[in-house]
Amino acid sequence: MNPYLDIAPEVKKALEEGRPVVALESTIISHGMPYPQNVETARNVEAVIRENGAVPATIAVIGGRLKAGLTPEEIVYLGKNGPAVTKTSRRDLPVLVAQGRDGATTVATTMIIAHLAGIQVFATGGVGGVHRGAQKTFDISADLEELAHTPVMVVCAGAKSILDLGLTLEYLETHGVPVIGYGTEELPAFYTRRSGFRVDYRLNTPQEIARAFYVKQDMGLGGGMLVTNPIPQEYAMDYETINRAIDEAVVEAARLGIHGKETTPFLLAKIKDLTGGDSLESNIHLVYNNACLAAKTAAELSRLG
């Protein structure tokens, strides 16, 4: 057991009994949505996972402790404090832990803590990637490097089209990370089911996805797997509309000199304003959709041993 890690009793019991567990990030609570919608969404995502046969483990850093599974009170605490809680990637963990501080975990950090706890499946909204203009800025999300090394399956709605999707796929290919499309051959782009880019493989059932991940680990290949799950059609946004909003938001971020880990929260907030709040509604429902698939896949994975 890692001396810095606390596993919630329900999560620990499920892991000991070989029952399916799904990790959830906490940045979506603190930085992704306003209070109290963030807390309501977090509770609903946990409920979706339970309804589909798995145990949820929302992950964060609280008082310098790595937490695999939060109490309802801890979720409210993160929701109320919002952006005041440090958005935490791999580089931030040692300092936050050493100083006894709080942190909301990104995809990368959620993968790290999930792996420490023995959780193999993680549901989120979208992953980070190679940012537009990275040829000059070298702005590449730590999520991609974590996928290359940490053996956790990440179920998401693809990468946000605020990124350079082509370069993101190239980076993942270079690092040997399989990109799976659930029922699709085209990479979904978070708010939309379209991107114009192909995934590596189309798999059509949770059983197929679980088997592929199991074999990857059984072969000793290590590293993660990215499962992209298109947003439900009824919540998908118009491809042209969302891309116009994204282009406008990217220009505004450049004008204001916003960069680094502040970029994504700024762009998402700007896109929400430009779309009259429609993007936030889409965001919420795609997370529910990913939680459902992750729980079903975790259940299948638990049957493989």
Foldseek 3Di string as FASTA:
>chain_A
DPPQEDEDPVRLVCVVVLFFEAEEFFLCQQQVDAPPVSLVLVVVLQVLLVVQGYGYFYWWAAQLGTYGRDDSVVSVVSNVCHPVAAADAPVCNVVCNVRRGIYTYALRVSLVNCVVSVHAEYEYAEHWAAAPPCVPVVAGDCNLVSQLAGRHEYEYQYAAPNGDRVVRQVSNVVSPAAEEEAQDQARGRRLAHHDPHGGPYYDHALLVVLVVSVVCVVVVVHGYYYYHYHQPPVLHDDPVQLVVQSVVQNVVCVVVVNDDPVNVSSSSVSSCVSVVNSSVVSSSRRSSVRSSSRSNNSRSNSVVD
